[in-house]
C-alpha atoms as a PDB file:
ATOM      1  CA  GLN A   1     -69.861 -39.233  51.638  1.00  0.00           C
ATOM      2  CA  ARG A   2     -66.475 -39.482  52.123  1.00  0.00           C
ATOM      3  CA  ALA A   3     -64.382 -36.155  52.999  1.00  0.00           C
ATOM      4  CA  ARG A   4     -61.727 -34.968  50.404  1.00  0.00           C
ATOM      5  CA  ILE A   5     -58.123 -34.484  51.878  1.00  0.00           C
ATOM      6  CA  GLN A   6     -56.342 -32.002  49.948  1.00  0.00           C
ATOM      7  CA  MET A   7     -52.392 -31.761  50.280  1.00  0.00           C
ATOM      8  CA  ILE A   8     -51.240 -28.149  50.398  1.00  0.00           C
ATOM      9  CA  LYS A   9     -48.119 -28.245  48.483  1.00  0.00           C
ATOM     10  CA  SER A  10     -45.432 -25.387  49.574  1.00  0.00           C
ATOM     11  CA  ASN A  11     -44.691 -22.616  46.932  1.00  0.00           C
ATOM     12  CA  PRO A  12     -41.073 -22.046  46.839  1.00  0.00           C
ATOM     13  CA  GLY A  13     -42.097 -18.361  46.227  1.00  0.00           C
ATOM     14  CA  ASP A  14     -43.787 -18.390  49.831  1.00  0.00           C
ATOM     15  CA  HIS A  15     -39.999 -18.432  51.143  1.00  0.00           C
ATOM     16  CA  ARG A  16     -38.585 -15.212  50.232  1.00  0.00           C
ATOM     17  CA  LEU A  17     -36.596 -12.288  51.496  1.00  0.00           C
ATOM     18  CA  TYR A  18     -36.899  -8.717  49.998  1.00  0.00           C
ATOM     19  CA  HIS A  19     -33.625  -7.209  50.639  1.00  0.00           C
ATOM     20  CA  ALA A  20     -31.703  -3.861  49.369  1.00  0.00           C
ATOM     21  CA  SER A  21     -28.963  -4.980  46.951  1.00  0.00           C
ATOM     22  CA  PHE A  22     -26.826  -1.669  45.905  1.00  0.00           C
ATOM     23  CA  GLY A  23     -24.756  -3.340  43.635  1.00  0.00           C
ATOM     24  CA  LEU A  24     -23.964  -6.648  44.843  1.00  0.00           C
ATOM     25  CA  ALA A  25     -23.535  -9.551  42.990  1.00  0.00           C
ATOM     26  CA  PRO A  26     -26.479 -12.060  43.249  1.00  0.00           C
ATOM     27  CA  GLU A  27     -23.273 -14.395  43.970  1.00  0.00           C
ATOM     28  CA  ILE A  28     -22.310 -12.340  46.496  1.00  0.00           C
ATOM     29  CA  LEU A  29     -26.051 -12.574  48.312  1.00  0.00           C
ATOM     30  CA  ARG A  30     -26.175 -16.321  47.828  1.00  0.00           C
ATOM     31  CA  GLY A  31     -23.134 -16.882  49.348  1.00  0.00           C
ATOM     32  CA  HIS A  32     -24.208 -15.027  52.440  1.00  0.00           C
ATOM     33  CA  PHE A  33     -28.018 -16.178  52.458  1.00  0.00           C
ATOM     34  CA  SER A  34     -26.999 -19.560  52.374  1.00  0.00           C
ATOM     35  CA  GLN A  35     -25.830 -19.957  55.383  1.00  0.00           C
ATOM     36  CA  PHE A  36     -29.608 -19.710  56.455  1.00  0.00           C
ATOM     37  CA  GLY A  37     -30.506 -22.404  54.157  1.00  0.00           C
ATOM     38  CA  LYS A  38     -30.624 -23.692  50.563  1.00  0.00           C
ATOM     39  CA  VAL A  39     -30.859 -21.074  48.313  1.00  0.00           C
ATOM     40  CA  LEU A  40     -33.181 -21.701  45.237  1.00  0.00           C
ATOM     41  CA  ASP A  41     -32.848 -18.386  43.671  1.00  0.00           C
ATOM     42  CA  VAL A  42     -31.510 -14.626  43.935  1.00  0.00           C
ATOM     43  CA  TYR A  43     -33.355 -12.264  41.715  1.00  0.00           C
ATOM     44  CA  ILE A  44     -32.573  -9.002  41.473  1.00  0.00           C
ATOM     45  CA  PRO A  45     -34.835  -7.070  38.998  1.00  0.00           C
ATOM     46  CA  LYS A  46     -33.379  -4.747  35.904  1.00  0.00           C
ATOM     47  CA  GLU A  47     -34.903  -1.107  34.318  1.00  0.00           C
ATOM     48  CA  ARG A  48     -36.295  -2.299  31.715  1.00  0.00           C
ATOM     49  CA  ILE A  49     -35.020   0.442  29.588  1.00  0.00           C
ATOM     50  CA  SER A  50     -31.199   0.925  30.724  1.00  0.00           C
ATOM     51  CA  GLY A  51     -31.461  -2.962  32.135  1.00  0.00           C
ATOM     52  CA  LYS A  52     -29.398  -1.730  35.268  1.00  0.00           C
ATOM     53  CA  ALA A  53     -29.664  -3.495  38.193  1.00  0.00           C
ATOM     54  CA  LYS A  54     -32.591  -2.315  40.655  1.00  0.00           C
ATOM     55  CA  ASN A  55     -31.382  -1.277  44.307  1.00  0.00           C
ATOM     56  CA  TYR A  56     -32.998  -4.157  45.332  1.00  0.00           C
ATOM     57  CA  GLY A  57     -33.781  -7.739  44.782  1.00  0.00           C
ATOM     58  CA  PHE A  58     -35.423 -10.980  46.379  1.00  0.00           C
ATOM     59  CA  THR A  59     -33.928 -14.327  47.761  1.00  0.00           C
ATOM     60  CA  THR A  60     -36.013 -17.470  47.850  1.00  0.00           C
ATOM     61  CA  PHE A  61     -35.857 -20.369  50.022  1.00  0.00           C
ATOM     62  CA  GLU A  62     -36.494 -24.333  49.102  1.00  0.00           C
ATOM     63  CA  ALA A  63     -38.181 -23.992  52.916  1.00  0.00           C
ATOM     64  CA  ASP A  64     -39.136 -20.922  55.574  1.00  0.00           C
ATOM     65  CA  LYS A  65     -36.179 -22.000  57.568  1.00  0.00           C
ATOM     66  CA  GLY A  66     -34.018 -19.991  55.642  1.00  0.00           C
ATOM     67  CA  VAL A  67     -36.221 -17.002  55.680  1.00  0.00           C
ATOM     68  CA  MET A  68     -36.626 -17.230  59.824  1.00  0.00           C
ATOM     69  CA  GLY A  69     -33.376 -18.135  60.166  1.00  0.00           C
ATOM     70  CA  ALA A  70     -32.350 -14.653  58.113  1.00  0.00           C
ATOM     71  CA  LEU A  71     -34.616 -12.963  60.181  1.00  0.00           C
ATOM     72  CA  ALA A  72     -33.786 -13.976  63.635  1.00  0.00           C
ATOM     73  CA  PHE A  73     -30.231 -12.958  62.479  1.00  0.00           C
ATOM     74  CA  GLY A  74     -31.275  -9.166  62.350  1.00  0.00           C
ATOM     75  CA  ASP A  75     -33.409  -6.767  59.607  1.00  0.00           C
ATOM     76  CA  GLN A  76     -30.050  -5.421  58.788  1.00  0.00           C
ATOM     77  CA  HIS A  77     -27.092  -7.612  57.462  1.00  0.00           C
ATOM     78  CA  GLU A  78     -23.228  -6.357  56.824  1.00  0.00           C
ATOM     79  CA  ILE A  79     -22.937  -7.715  53.136  1.00  0.00           C
ATOM     80  CA  GLY A  80     -20.026  -7.422  51.212  1.00  0.00           C
ATOM     81  CA  GLY A  81     -18.967  -4.599  53.510  1.00  0.00           C
ATOM     82  CA  VAL A  82     -22.491  -3.051  53.019  1.00  0.00           C
ATOM     83  CA  SER A  83     -25.240  -2.536  55.525  1.00  0.00           C
ATOM     84  CA  VAL A  84     -28.539  -4.263  53.881  1.00  0.00           C
ATOM     85  CA  ALA A  85     -31.726  -4.105  54.695  1.00  0.00           C
ATOM     86  CA  ILE A  86     -34.010  -7.585  54.923  1.00  0.00           C
ATOM     87  CA  ASN A  87     -37.983  -8.145  55.311  1.00  0.00           C
ATOM     88  CA  ARG A  88     -40.245 -11.185  54.129  1.00  0.00           C
ATOM     89  CA  ALA A  89     -41.314 -10.708  50.479  1.00  0.00           C
ATOM     90  CA  GLY A  90     -44.826 -11.369  49.355  1.00  0.00           C
ATOM     91  CA  THR A  91     -45.704 -14.270  47.338  1.00  0.00           C
ATOM     92  CA  ARG A  92     -43.778 -14.390  44.218  1.00  0.00           C
ATOM     93  CA  PRO A  93     -45.852 -13.440  40.895  1.00  0.00           C
ATOM     94  CA  GLN A  94     -45.644 -16.026  37.925  1.00  0.00           C
ATOM     95  CA  ARG A  95     -42.823 -14.626  35.510  1.00  0.00           C
ATOM     96  CA  GLY A  96     -42.900 -15.951  31.736  1.00  0.00           C
ATOM     97  CA  GLU A  97     -40.337 -19.218  31.123  1.00  0.00           C
ATOM     98  CA  ASP A  98     -38.052 -16.577  28.715  1.00  0.00           C
ATOM     99  CA  GLU A  99     -37.442 -14.099  31.659  1.00  0.00           C
ATOM    100  CA  GLY A 100     -34.552 -15.927  33.492  1.00  0.00           C
ATOM    101  CA  ASP A 101     -33.193 -15.312  36.571  1.00  0.00           C
ATOM    102  CA  GLY A 102     -32.036 -11.705  36.559  1.00  0.00           C
ATOM    103  CA  GLY A 103     -28.060 -13.086  36.426  1.00  0.00           C
ATOM    104  CA  GLY A 104     -28.665 -15.042  40.259  1.00  0.00           C
ATOM    105  CA  GLY A 105     -27.704 -18.404  38.811  1.00  0.00           C
END
């Protein structure tokens, strides 16, 4: 019998940072984190009832290089005059197609 070789495709959801957002616009976060690698998505969840942005979010990079570069820079980043804590995020849960990207563009 021939051994089967499985190719493991990298899931972009595995290349995510968790960060505080403190009212920072997704465009500001994207601009900052793009210095470490290609940013695919910036997602800031919203409160279900009020629709206000929560004080945390996730940035997804095309490759792990972006995550590693941001973490090597430090666990606190100065973004738009705000000290923002970052950490590697867990695997991204599946979202419905109609949920959008939280305004991350």
